[in-house]
Amino acid sequence: MKVFTHELNCRQGDVVLPVVITLDAPAPADRSWSCSYEIDWPEGPRRSNAHGADALQALVLALQKIGTELYTSVHHRSGALSGSSPVGGYGFPVPPILRDLLAGDDVAAFG
């Protein structure tokens, strides 16, 4: 069940394409919990999930995986990816080892 949708933009030449991110509710999975998400990149959707000991951990890890994918993407490195904030950032946390990649509002929120 989808619980969250967030939209970013990706500039490709003169065209700006939406990058839609959807997040599912955490669900029990064997001896853990799983939280699935999808990033609909211009080159095609990428679906993945995160597992945690409980629903909250699975959710937090999924949010960090999304942030990791955004901040390590070719679209971020090229400057083509943008969020709704005029100062930058995408609204997702990253693991501590990647915090130096944070931009704009994400620095104050997650740095």
PDB file of N, CA and C in Angstrom:
ATOM      1  N   MET A   1       0.838  -1.172   0.000  1.00  0.00           N
ATOM      2  CA  MET A   1       0.000   0.000   0.000  1.00  0.00           C
ATOM      3  C   MET A   1       0.887   1.240   0.000  1.00  0.00           C
ATOM      4  N   LYS A   2       0.695   2.115  -0.963  1.00  0.00           N
ATOM      5  CA  LYS A   2       1.461   3.361  -1.072  1.00  0.00           C
ATOM      6  C   LYS A   2       1.051   4.300   0.060  1.00  0.00           C
ATOM      7  N   VAL A   3       2.060   4.857   0.734  1.00  0.00           N
ATOM      8  CA  VAL A   3       1.769   5.796   1.816  1.00  0.00           C
ATOM      9  C   VAL A   3       2.372   7.170   1.555  1.00  0.00           C
ATOM     10  N   PHE A   4       3.204   7.265   0.525  1.00  0.00           N
ATOM     11  CA  PHE A   4       3.919   8.506   0.305  1.00  0.00           C
ATOM     12  C   PHE A   4       4.300   8.623  -1.160  1.00  0.00           C
ATOM     13  N   THR A   5       4.116   9.816  -1.716  1.00  0.00           N
ATOM     14  CA  THR A   5       4.581  10.119  -3.068  1.00  0.00           C
ATOM     15  C   THR A   5       5.257  11.488  -3.021  1.00  0.00           C
ATOM     16  N   HIS A   6       6.410  11.570  -3.649  1.00  0.00           N
ATOM     17  CA  HIS A   6       7.195  12.806  -3.663  1.00  0.00           C
ATOM     18  C   HIS A   6       7.706  12.992  -5.086  1.00  0.00           C
ATOM     19  N   GLU A   7       7.701  14.224  -5.566  1.00  0.00           N
ATOM     20  CA  GLU A   7       8.141  14.460  -6.943  1.00  0.00           C
ATOM     21  C   GLU A   7       9.323  15.419  -6.993  1.00  0.00           C
ATOM     22  N   LEU A   8      10.346  15.011  -7.725  1.00  0.00           N
ATOM     23  CA  LEU A   8      11.499  15.846  -8.019  1.00  0.00           C
ATOM     24  C   LEU A   8      11.488  16.126  -9.516  1.00  0.00           C
ATOM     25  N   ASN A   9      12.444  16.906  -9.977  1.00  0.00           N
ATOM     26  CA  ASN A   9      12.561  17.217 -11.405  1.00  0.00           C
ATOM     27  C   ASN A   9      13.942  16.848 -11.912  1.00  0.00           C
ATOM     28  N   CYS A  10      13.987  16.419 -13.165  1.00  0.00           N
ATOM     29  CA  CYS A  10      15.262  16.095 -13.795  1.00  0.00           C
ATOM     30  C   CYS A  10      15.314  16.792 -15.150  1.00  0.00           C
ATOM     31  N   ARG A  11      16.265  17.689 -15.275  1.00  0.00           N
ATOM     32  CA  ARG A  11      16.426  18.436 -16.518  1.00  0.00           C
ATOM     33  C   ARG A  11      17.249  17.604 -17.497  1.00  0.00           C
ATOM     34  N   GLN A  12      16.715  17.414 -18.677  1.00  0.00           N
ATOM     35  CA  GLN A  12      17.443  16.736 -19.751  1.00  0.00           C
ATOM     36  C   GLN A  12      17.357  17.610 -20.988  1.00  0.00           C
ATOM     37  N   GLY A  13      18.421  18.369 -21.211  1.00  0.00           N
ATOM     38  CA  GLY A  13      18.400  19.343 -22.301  1.00  0.00           C
ATOM     39  C   GLY A  13      17.423  20.454 -21.969  1.00  0.00           C
ATOM     40  N   ASP A  14      16.491  20.713 -22.872  1.00  0.00           N
ATOM     41  CA  ASP A  14      15.485  21.747 -22.665  1.00  0.00           C
ATOM     42  C   ASP A  14      14.222  21.207 -22.004  1.00  0.00           C
ATOM     43  N   VAL A  15      14.212  19.926 -21.676  1.00  0.00           N
ATOM     44  CA  VAL A  15      13.019  19.280 -21.124  1.00  0.00           C
ATOM     45  C   VAL A  15      13.231  18.990 -19.641  1.00  0.00           C
ATOM     46  N   VAL A  16      12.201  19.244 -18.846  1.00  0.00           N
ATOM     47  CA  VAL A  16      12.227  18.896 -17.429  1.00  0.00           C
ATOM     48  C   VAL A  16      11.246  17.742 -17.221  1.00  0.00           C
ATOM     49  N   LEU A  17      11.777  16.618 -16.751  1.00  0.00           N
ATOM     50  CA  LEU A  17      10.971  15.423 -16.540  1.00  0.00           C
ATOM     51  C   LEU A  17      10.745  15.194 -15.049  1.00  0.00           C
ATOM     52  N   PRO A  18       9.557  14.691 -14.689  1.00  0.00           N
ATOM     53  CA  PRO A  18       9.317  14.380 -13.283  1.00  0.00           C
ATOM     54  C   PRO A  18      10.054  13.111 -12.866  1.00  0.00           C
ATOM     55  N   VAL A  19      10.530  13.101 -11.638  1.00  0.00           N
ATOM     56  CA  VAL A  19      11.090  11.907 -11.011  1.00  0.00           C
ATOM     57  C   VAL A  19      10.190  11.643  -9.803  1.00  0.00           C
ATOM     58  N   VAL A  20       9.294  10.679  -9.953  1.00  0.00           N
ATOM     59  CA  VAL A  20       8.312  10.400  -8.904  1.00  0.00           C
ATOM     60  C   VAL A  20       8.833   9.294  -7.997  1.00  0.00           C
ATOM     61  N   ILE A  21       8.777   9.560  -6.705  1.00  0.00           N
ATOM     62  CA  ILE A  21       9.223   8.602  -5.694  1.00  0.00           C
ATOM     63  C   ILE A  21       8.002   8.161  -4.909  1.00  0.00           C
ATOM     64  N   THR A  22       7.792   6.854  -4.827  1.00  0.00           N
ATOM     65  CA  THR A  22       6.684   6.326  -4.037  1.00  0.00           C
ATOM     66  C   THR A  22       7.238   5.386  -2.970  1.00  0.00           C
ATOM     67  N   LEU A  23       6.586   5.393  -1.839  1.00  0.00           N
ATOM     68  CA  LEU A  23       6.997   4.588  -0.696  1.00  0.00           C
ATOM     69  C   LEU A  23       5.799   3.798  -0.200  1.00  0.00           C
ATOM     70  N   ASP A  24       6.006   2.510   0.000  1.00  0.00           N
ATOM     71  CA  ASP A  24       4.949   1.646   0.519  1.00  0.00           C
ATOM     72  C   ASP A  24       5.026   1.581   2.037  1.00  0.00           C
ATOM     73  N   ALA A  25       3.936   1.211   2.646  1.00  0.00           N
ATOM     74  CA  ALA A  25       3.917   0.999   4.096  1.00  0.00           C
ATOM     75  C   ALA A  25       4.783  -0.208   4.436  1.00  0.00           C
ATOM     76  N   PRO A  26       5.484  -0.174   5.555  1.00  0.00           N
ATOM     77  CA  PRO A  26       6.239  -1.353   5.981  1.00  0.00           C
ATOM     78  C   PRO A  26       5.297  -2.544   6.171  1.00  0.00           C
ATOM     79  N   ALA A  27       5.809  -3.730   5.857  1.00  0.00           N
ATOM     80  CA  ALA A  27       5.001  -4.943   5.981  1.00  0.00           C
ATOM     81  C   ALA A  27       5.847  -6.063   6.571  1.00  0.00           C
ATOM     82  N   PRO A  28       5.235  -6.958   7.331  1.00  0.00           N
ATOM     83  CA  PRO A  28       5.994  -8.091   7.865  1.00  0.00           C
ATOM     84  C   PRO A  28       6.585  -8.933   6.737  1.00  0.00           C
ATOM     85  N   ALA A  29       7.816  -9.421   6.954  1.00  0.00           N
ATOM     86  CA  ALA A  29       8.500 -10.253   5.964  1.00  0.00           C
ATOM     87  C   ALA A  29       9.351 -11.272   6.710  1.00  0.00           C
ATOM     88  N   ASP A  30       8.898 -12.500   6.758  1.00  0.00           N
ATOM     89  CA  ASP A  30       9.591 -13.552   7.508  1.00  0.00           C
ATOM     90  C   ASP A  30       9.864 -13.097   8.943  1.00  0.00           C
ATOM     91  N   ARG A  31      11.130 -12.971   9.295  1.00  0.00           N
ATOM     92  CA  ARG A  31      11.489 -12.582  10.662  1.00  0.00           C
ATOM     93  C   ARG A  31      11.831 -11.103  10.774  1.00  0.00           C
ATOM     94  N   SER A  32      11.493 -10.328   9.763  1.00  0.00           N
ATOM     95  CA  SER A  32      11.804  -8.903   9.757  1.00  0.00           C
ATOM     96  C   SER A  32      10.625  -8.135   9.181  1.00  0.00           C
ATOM     97  N   TRP A  33      10.852  -6.869   8.928  1.00  0.00           N
ATOM     98  CA  TRP A  33       9.877  -6.021   8.252  1.00  0.00           C
ATOM     99  C   TRP A  33      10.529  -5.495   6.981  1.00  0.00           C
ATOM    100  N   SER A  34       9.711  -5.257   5.969  1.00  0.00           N
ATOM    101  CA  SER A  34      10.195  -4.763   4.692  1.00  0.00           C
ATOM    102  C   SER A  34       9.432  -3.499   4.317  1.00  0.00           C
ATOM    103  N   CYS A  35      10.139  -2.549   3.718  1.00  0.00           N
ATOM    104  CA  CYS A  35       9.519  -1.308   3.241  1.00  0.00           C
ATOM    105  C   CYS A  35       9.991  -1.091   1.798  1.00  0.00           C
ATOM    106  N   SER A  36       9.070  -1.185   0.863  1.00  0.00           N
ATOM    107  CA  SER A  36       9.393  -1.064  -0.563  1.00  0.00           C
ATOM    108  C   SER A  36       9.234   0.376  -1.035  1.00  0.00           C
ATOM    109  N   TYR A  37      10.003   0.718  -2.059  1.00  0.00           N
ATOM    110  CA  TYR A  37       9.899   2.040  -2.666  1.00  0.00           C
ATOM    111  C   TYR A  37      10.233   1.947  -4.144  1.00  0.00           C
ATOM    112  N   GLU A  38       9.885   3.001  -4.860  1.00  0.00           N
ATOM    113  CA  GLU A  38      10.202   3.075  -6.285  1.00  0.00           C
ATOM    114  C   GLU A  38      10.606   4.501  -6.633  1.00  0.00           C
ATOM    115  N   ILE A  39      11.651   4.617  -7.432  1.00  0.00           N
ATOM    116  CA  ILE A  39      12.061   5.900  -7.991  1.00  0.00           C
ATOM    117  C   ILE A  39      11.875   5.784  -9.500  1.00  0.00           C
ATOM    118  N   ASP A  40      11.022   6.613 -10.044  1.00  0.00           N
ATOM    119  CA  ASP A  40      10.731   6.572 -11.479  1.00  0.00           C
ATOM    120  C   ASP A  40      11.668   7.533 -12.206  1.00  0.00           C
ATOM    121  N   TRP A  41      12.885   7.032 -12.470  1.00  0.00           N
ATOM    122  CA  TRP A  41      13.911   7.818 -13.164  1.00  0.00           C
ATOM    123  C   TRP A  41      13.528   8.012 -14.632  1.00  0.00           C
ATOM    124  N   PRO A  42      14.088   9.017 -15.304  1.00  0.00           N
ATOM    125  CA  PRO A  42      13.804   9.202 -16.734  1.00  0.00           C
ATOM    126  C   PRO A  42      14.145   7.965 -17.579  1.00  0.00           C
ATOM    127  N   GLU A  43      15.179   7.221 -17.181  1.00  0.00           N
ATOM    128  CA  GLU A  43      15.560   6.032 -17.952  1.00  0.00           C
ATOM    129  C   GLU A  43      14.774   4.782 -17.558  1.00  0.00           C
ATOM    130  N   GLY A  44      13.899   4.914 -16.584  1.00  0.00           N
ATOM    131  CA  GLY A  44      13.054   3.792 -16.181  1.00  0.00           C
ATOM    132  C   GLY A  44      12.975   3.667 -14.671  1.00  0.00           C
ATOM    133  N   PRO A  45      11.921   3.035 -14.179  1.00  0.00           N
ATOM    134  CA  PRO A  45      11.735   2.920 -12.732  1.00  0.00           C
ATOM    135  C   PRO A  45      12.731   1.959 -12.085  1.00  0.00           C
ATOM    136  N   ARG A  46      13.079   2.283 -10.854  1.00  0.00           N
ATOM    137  CA  ARG A  46      13.930   1.414 -10.034  1.00  0.00           C
ATOM    138  C   ARG A  46      13.174   1.136  -8.747  1.00  0.00           C
ATOM    139  N   ARG A  47      12.897  -0.142  -8.510  1.00  0.00           N
ATOM    140  CA  ARG A  47      12.172  -0.556  -7.314  1.00  0.00           C
ATOM    141  C   ARG A  47      13.125  -1.319  -6.406  1.00  0.00           C
ATOM    142  N   SER A  48      13.048  -1.040  -5.102  1.00  0.00           N
ATOM    143  CA  SER A  48      13.873  -1.732  -4.132  1.00  0.00           C
ATOM    144  C   SER A  48      13.137  -1.748  -2.804  1.00  0.00           C
ATOM    145  N   ASN A  49      13.797  -2.272  -1.773  1.00  0.00           N
ATOM    146  CA  ASN A  49      13.203  -2.285  -0.446  1.00  0.00           C
ATOM    147  C   ASN A  49      14.296  -2.283   0.597  1.00  0.00           C
ATOM    148  N   ALA A  50      13.886  -2.039   1.818  1.00  0.00           N
ATOM    149  CA  ALA A  50      14.794  -2.078   2.967  1.00  0.00           C
ATOM    150  C   ALA A  50      14.162  -2.970   4.021  1.00  0.00           C
ATOM    151  N   HIS A  51      14.994  -3.689   4.747  1.00  0.00           N
ATOM    152  CA  HIS A  51      14.515  -4.584   5.805  1.00  0.00           C
ATOM    153  C   HIS A  51      15.004  -4.088   7.152  1.00  0.00           C
ATOM    154  N   GLY A  52      14.146  -4.206   8.151  1.00  0.00           N
ATOM    155  CA  GLY A  52      14.509  -3.816   9.500  1.00  0.00           C
ATOM    156  C   GLY A  52      13.936  -4.773  10.516  1.00  0.00           C
ATOM    157  N   ALA A  53      14.377  -4.628  11.752  1.00  0.00           N
ATOM    158  CA  ALA A  53      13.898  -5.486  12.835  1.00  0.00           C
ATOM    159  C   ALA A  53      12.436  -5.202  13.169  1.00  0.00           C
ATOM    160  N   ASP A  54      11.994  -3.971  12.892  1.00  0.00           N
ATOM    161  CA  ASP A  54      10.588  -3.612  13.101  1.00  0.00           C
ATOM    162  C   ASP A  54      10.166  -2.652  11.989  1.00  0.00           C
ATOM    163  N   ALA A  55       8.902  -2.254  12.013  1.00  0.00           N
ATOM    164  CA  ALA A  55       8.374  -1.409  10.939  1.00  0.00           C
ATOM    165  C   ALA A  55       9.085  -0.058  10.866  1.00  0.00           C
ATOM    166  N   LEU A  56       9.370   0.535  12.020  1.00  0.00           N
ATOM    167  CA  LEU A  56      10.023   1.846  12.027  1.00  0.00           C
ATOM    168  C   LEU A  56      11.426   1.773  11.442  1.00  0.00           C
ATOM    169  N   GLN A  57      12.187   0.769  11.818  1.00  0.00           N
ATOM    170  CA  GLN A  57      13.545   0.636  11.276  1.00  0.00           C
ATOM    171  C   GLN A  57      13.495   0.406   9.764  1.00  0.00           C
ATOM    172  N   ALA A  58      12.579  -0.402   9.295  1.00  0.00           N
ATOM    173  CA  ALA A  58      12.452  -0.636   7.852  1.00  0.00           C
ATOM    174  C   ALA A  58      12.128   0.664   7.123  1.00  0.00           C
ATOM    175  N   LEU A  59      11.252   1.483   7.694  1.00  0.00           N
ATOM    176  CA  LEU A  59      10.885   2.760   7.094  1.00  0.00           C
ATOM    177  C   LEU A  59      12.074   3.714   7.044  1.00  0.00           C
ATOM    178  N   VAL A  60      12.785   3.853   8.158  1.00  0.00           N
ATOM    179  CA  VAL A  60      13.945   4.748   8.209  1.00  0.00           C
ATOM    180  C   VAL A  60      15.015   4.303   7.208  1.00  0.00           C
ATOM    181  N   LEU A  61      15.268   3.006   7.151  1.00  0.00           N
ATOM    182  CA  LEU A  61      16.272   2.501   6.210  1.00  0.00           C
ATOM    183  C   LEU A  61      15.844   2.708   4.761  1.00  0.00           C
ATOM    184  N   ALA A  62      14.554   2.569   4.471  1.00  0.00           N
ATOM    185  CA  ALA A  62      14.070   2.822   3.107  1.00  0.00           C
ATOM    186  C   ALA A  62      14.267   4.291   2.737  1.00  0.00           C
ATOM    187  N   LEU A  63      13.968   5.199   3.664  1.00  0.00           N
ATOM    188  CA  LEU A  63      14.176   6.624   3.399  1.00  0.00           C
ATOM    189  C   LEU A  63      15.650   6.923   3.148  1.00  0.00           C
ATOM    190  N   GLN A  64      16.539   6.295   3.918  1.00  0.00           N
ATOM    191  CA  GLN A  64      17.973   6.488   3.703  1.00  0.00           C
ATOM    192  C   GLN A  64      18.434   5.893   2.373  1.00  0.00           C
ATOM    193  N   LYS A  65      17.863   4.752   1.985  1.00  0.00           N
ATOM    194  CA  LYS A  65      18.231   4.169   0.687  1.00  0.00           C
ATOM    195  C   LYS A  65      17.793   5.084  -0.452  1.00  0.00           C
ATOM    196  N   ILE A  66      16.610   5.683  -0.327  1.00  0.00           N
ATOM    197  CA  ILE A  66      16.147   6.619  -1.349  1.00  0.00           C
ATOM    198  C   ILE A  66      17.116   7.800  -1.425  1.00  0.00           C
ATOM    199  N   GLY A  67      17.454   8.374  -0.268  1.00  0.00           N
ATOM    200  CA  GLY A  67      18.409   9.486  -0.241  1.00  0.00           C
ATOM    201  C   GLY A  67      19.739   9.107  -0.854  1.00  0.00           C
ATOM    202  N   THR A  68      20.205   7.905  -0.558  1.00  0.00           N
ATOM    203  CA  THR A  68      21.466   7.421  -1.125  1.00  0.00           C
ATOM    204  C   THR A  68      21.378   7.331  -2.640  1.00  0.00           C
ATOM    205  N   GLU A  69      20.288   6.762  -3.137  1.00  0.00           N
ATOM    206  CA  GLU A  69      20.139   6.650  -4.599  1.00  0.00           C
ATOM    207  C   GLU A  69      20.079   8.020  -5.264  1.00  0.00           C
ATOM    208  N   LEU A  70      19.380   8.964  -4.629  1.00  0.00           N
ATOM    209  CA  LEU A  70      19.282  10.301  -5.216  1.00  0.00           C
ATOM    210  C   LEU A  70      20.639  10.996  -5.241  1.00  0.00           C
ATOM    211  N   TYR A  71      21.310  11.011  -4.086  1.00  0.00           N
ATOM    212  CA  TYR A  71      22.567  11.754  -3.971  1.00  0.00           C
ATOM    213  C   TYR A  71      23.753  11.096  -4.675  1.00  0.00           C
ATOM    214  N   THR A  72      23.676   9.817  -4.990  1.00  0.00           N
ATOM    215  CA  THR A  72      24.765   9.165  -5.714  1.00  0.00           C
ATOM    216  C   THR A  72      24.426   8.962  -7.192  1.00  0.00           C
ATOM    217  N   SER A  73      23.300   9.502  -7.622  1.00  0.00           N
ATOM    218  CA  SER A  73      22.875   9.317  -9.017  1.00  0.00           C
ATOM    219  C   SER A  73      23.668  10.206  -9.971  1.00  0.00           C
ATOM    220  N   VAL A  74      23.720   9.787 -11.206  1.00  0.00           N
ATOM    221  CA  VAL A  74      24.346  10.580 -12.265  1.00  0.00           C
ATOM    222  C   VAL A  74      23.591  11.899 -12.425  1.00  0.00           C
ATOM    223  N   HIS A  75      22.287  11.885 -12.159  1.00  0.00           N
ATOM    224  CA  HIS A  75      21.479  13.097 -12.299  1.00  0.00           C
ATOM    225  C   HIS A  75      21.858  14.143 -11.244  1.00  0.00           C
ATOM    226  N   HIS A  76      22.152  13.689 -10.021  1.00  0.00           N
ATOM    227  CA  HIS A  76      22.603  14.619  -8.981  1.00  0.00           C
ATOM    228  C   HIS A  76      23.996  15.155  -9.331  1.00  0.00           C
ATOM    229  N   ARG A  77      24.897  14.247  -9.687  1.00  0.00           N
ATOM    230  CA  ARG A  77      26.275  14.654  -9.992  1.00  0.00           C
ATOM    231  C   ARG A  77      26.342  15.654 -11.148  1.00  0.00           C
ATOM    232  N   SER A  78      25.438  15.518 -12.102  1.00  0.00           N
ATOM    233  CA  SER A  78      25.442  16.425 -13.253  1.00  0.00           C
ATOM    234  C   SER A  78      24.701  17.733 -12.971  1.00  0.00           C
ATOM    235  N   GLY A  79      24.002  17.810 -11.836  1.00  0.00           N
ATOM    236  CA  GLY A  79      23.237  19.010 -11.511  1.00  0.00           C
ATOM    237  C   GLY A  79      21.864  19.049 -12.151  1.00  0.00           C
ATOM    238  N   ALA A  80      21.447  17.950 -12.773  1.00  0.00           N
ATOM    239  CA  ALA A  80      20.159  17.920 -13.466  1.00  0.00           C
ATOM    240  C   ALA A  80      18.972  17.675 -12.530  1.00  0.00           C
ATOM    241  N   LEU A  81      19.223  17.105 -11.354  1.00  0.00           N
ATOM    242  CA  LEU A  81      18.149  16.757 -10.424  1.00  0.00           C
ATOM    243  C   LEU A  81      17.860  17.934  -9.508  1.00  0.00           C
ATOM    244  N   SER A  82      16.570  18.227  -9.289  1.00  0.00           N
ATOM    245  CA  SER A  82      16.206  19.311  -8.388  1.00  0.00           C
ATOM    246  C   SER A  82      14.916  18.979  -7.653  1.00  0.00           C
ATOM    247  N   GLY A  83      14.786  19.591  -6.489  1.00  0.00           N
ATOM    248  CA  GLY A  83      13.582  19.421  -5.680  1.00  0.00           C
ATOM    249  C   GLY A  83      12.774  20.699  -5.690  1.00  0.00           C
ATOM    250  N   SER A  84      11.852  20.794  -4.752  1.00  0.00           N
ATOM    251  CA  SER A  84      10.978  21.961  -4.708  1.00  0.00           C
ATOM    252  C   SER A  84      11.606  23.156  -3.991  1.00  0.00           C
ATOM    253  N   SER A  85      12.659  22.912  -3.202  1.00  0.00           N
ATOM    254  CA  SER A  85      13.301  23.993  -2.466  1.00  0.00           C
ATOM    255  C   SER A  85      14.210  24.810  -3.389  1.00  0.00           C
ATOM    256  N   PRO A  86      14.101  26.122  -3.335  1.00  0.00           N
ATOM    257  CA  PRO A  86      14.970  26.942  -4.193  1.00  0.00           C
ATOM    258  C   PRO A  86      16.448  26.868  -3.803  1.00  0.00           C
ATOM    259  N   VAL A  87      16.746  26.414  -2.577  1.00  0.00           N
ATOM    260  CA  VAL A  87      18.146  26.323  -2.148  1.00  0.00           C
ATOM    261  C   VAL A  87      18.718  24.922  -2.329  1.00  0.00           C
ATOM    262  N   GLY A  88      17.938  23.988  -2.808  1.00  0.00           N
ATOM    263  CA  GLY A  88      18.431  22.650  -3.083  1.00  0.00           C
ATOM    264  C   GLY A  88      18.029  21.638  -2.034  1.00  0.00           C
ATOM    265  N   GLY A  89      18.363  20.405  -2.320  1.00  0.00           N
ATOM    266  CA  GLY A  89      18.005  19.295  -1.453  1.00  0.00           C
ATOM    267  C   GLY A  89      16.779  18.566  -1.985  1.00  0.00           C
ATOM    268  N   TYR A  90      16.625  17.326  -1.517  1.00  0.00           N
ATOM    269  CA  TYR A  90      15.561  16.474  -2.027  1.00  0.00           C
ATOM    270  C   TYR A  90      14.567  16.022  -0.966  1.00  0.00           C
ATOM    271  N   GLY A  91      14.868  16.293   0.309  1.00  0.00           N
ATOM    272  CA  GLY A  91      13.946  15.930   1.367  1.00  0.00           C
ATOM    273  C   GLY A  91      14.115  14.531   1.927  1.00  0.00           C
ATOM    274  N   PHE A  92      15.277  13.906   1.680  1.00  0.00           N
ATOM    275  CA  PHE A  92      15.517  12.546   2.172  1.00  0.00           C
ATOM    276  C   PHE A  92      16.837  12.488   2.927  1.00  0.00           C
ATOM    277  N   PRO A  93      16.871  11.718   4.014  1.00  0.00           N
ATOM    278  CA  PRO A  93      18.124  11.545   4.753  1.00  0.00           C
ATOM    279  C   PRO A  93      19.049  10.580   4.026  1.00  0.00           C
ATOM    280  N   VAL A  94      20.299  10.575   4.433  1.00  0.00           N
ATOM    281  CA  VAL A  94      21.287   9.615   3.942  1.00  0.00           C
ATOM    282  C   VAL A  94      22.013   9.037   5.151  1.00  0.00           C
ATOM    283  N   PRO A  95      22.674   7.894   5.000  1.00  0.00           N
ATOM    284  CA  PRO A  95      23.490   7.367   6.103  1.00  0.00           C
ATOM    285  C   PRO A  95      24.612   8.358   6.438  1.00  0.00           C
ATOM    286  N   PRO A  96      25.122   8.313   7.676  1.00  0.00           N
ATOM    287  CA  PRO A  96      26.164   9.266   8.089  1.00  0.00           C
ATOM    288  C   PRO A  96      27.353   9.359   7.134  1.00  0.00           C
ATOM    289  N   ILE A  97      27.775   8.274   6.534  1.00  0.00           N
ATOM    290  CA  ILE A  97      28.953   8.291   5.666  1.00  0.00           C
ATOM    291  C   ILE A  97      28.750   9.127   4.392  1.00  0.00           C
ATOM    292  N   LEU A  98      27.497   9.415   4.041  1.00  0.00           N
ATOM    293  CA  LEU A  98      27.216  10.183   2.823  1.00  0.00           C
ATOM    294  C   LEU A  98      26.752  11.610   3.104  1.00  0.00           C
ATOM    295  N   ARG A  99      26.779  12.034   4.350  1.00  0.00           N
ATOM    296  CA  ARG A  99      26.246  13.355   4.693  1.00  0.00           C
ATOM    297  C   ARG A  99      26.987  14.498   4.015  1.00  0.00           C
ATOM    298  N   ASP A 100      28.222  14.283   3.597  1.00  0.00           N
ATOM    299  CA  ASP A 100      28.954  15.338   2.890  1.00  0.00           C
ATOM    300  C   ASP A 100      28.365  15.621   1.509  1.00  0.00           C
ATOM    301  N   LEU A 101      27.497  14.738   1.009  1.00  0.00           N
ATOM    302  CA  LEU A 101      26.848  14.943  -0.287  1.00  0.00           C
ATOM    303  C   LEU A 101      25.586  15.797  -0.191  1.00  0.00           C
ATOM    304  N   LEU A 102      25.056  15.971   1.024  1.00  0.00           N
ATOM    305  CA  LEU A 102      23.802  16.701   1.198  1.00  0.00           C
ATOM    306  C   LEU A 102      23.900  18.125   0.654  1.00  0.00           C
ATOM    307  N   ALA A 103      22.764  18.619   0.163  1.00  0.00           N
ATOM    308  CA  ALA A 103      22.710  19.966  -0.408  1.00  0.00           C
ATOM    309  C   ALA A 103      21.498  20.719   0.141  1.00  0.00           C
ATOM    310  N   GLY A 104      21.582  22.029   0.112  1.00  0.00           N
ATOM    311  CA  GLY A 104      20.450  22.883   0.447  1.00  0.00           C
ATOM    312  C   GLY A 104      19.845  22.608   1.809  1.00  0.00           C
ATOM    313  N   ASP A 105      18.521  22.562   1.832  1.00  0.00           N
ATOM    314  CA  ASP A 105      17.776  22.341   3.073  1.00  0.00           C
ATOM    315  C   ASP A 105      18.113  21.012   3.745  1.00  0.00           C
ATOM    316  N   ASP A 106      18.564  20.026   2.973  1.00  0.00           N
ATOM    317  CA  ASP A 106      18.884  18.728   3.549  1.00  0.00           C
ATOM    318  C   ASP A 106      20.070  18.799   4.509  1.00  0.00           C
ATOM    319  N   VAL A 107      20.958  19.756   4.323  1.00  0.00           N
ATOM    320  CA  VAL A 107      22.117  19.903   5.207  1.00  0.00           C
ATOM    321  C   VAL A 107      21.639  20.191   6.635  1.00  0.00           C
ATOM    322  N   ALA A 108      20.741  21.148   6.769  1.00  0.00           N
ATOM    323  CA  ALA A 108      20.231  21.510   8.103  1.00  0.00           C
ATOM    324  C   ALA A 108      19.344  20.405   8.670  1.00  0.00           C
ATOM    325  N   ALA A 109      18.562  19.783   7.822  1.00  0.00           N
ATOM    326  CA  ALA A 109      17.608  18.780   8.289  1.00  0.00           C
ATOM    327  C   ALA A 109      18.271  17.464   8.657  1.00  0.00           C
ATOM    328  N   PHE A 110      19.279  17.042   7.888  1.00  0.00           N
ATOM    329  CA  PHE A 110      19.831  15.689   8.060  1.00  0.00           C
ATOM    330  C   PHE A 110      21.333  15.655   8.308  1.00  0.00           C
ATOM    331  N   GLY A 111      22.007  16.802   8.232  1.00  0.00           N
ATOM    332  CA  GLY A 111      23.458  16.828   8.353  1.00  0.00           C
ATOM    333  C   GLY A 111      23.887  16.814   9.748  1.00  0.00           C
TER     334      GLY A 111
END
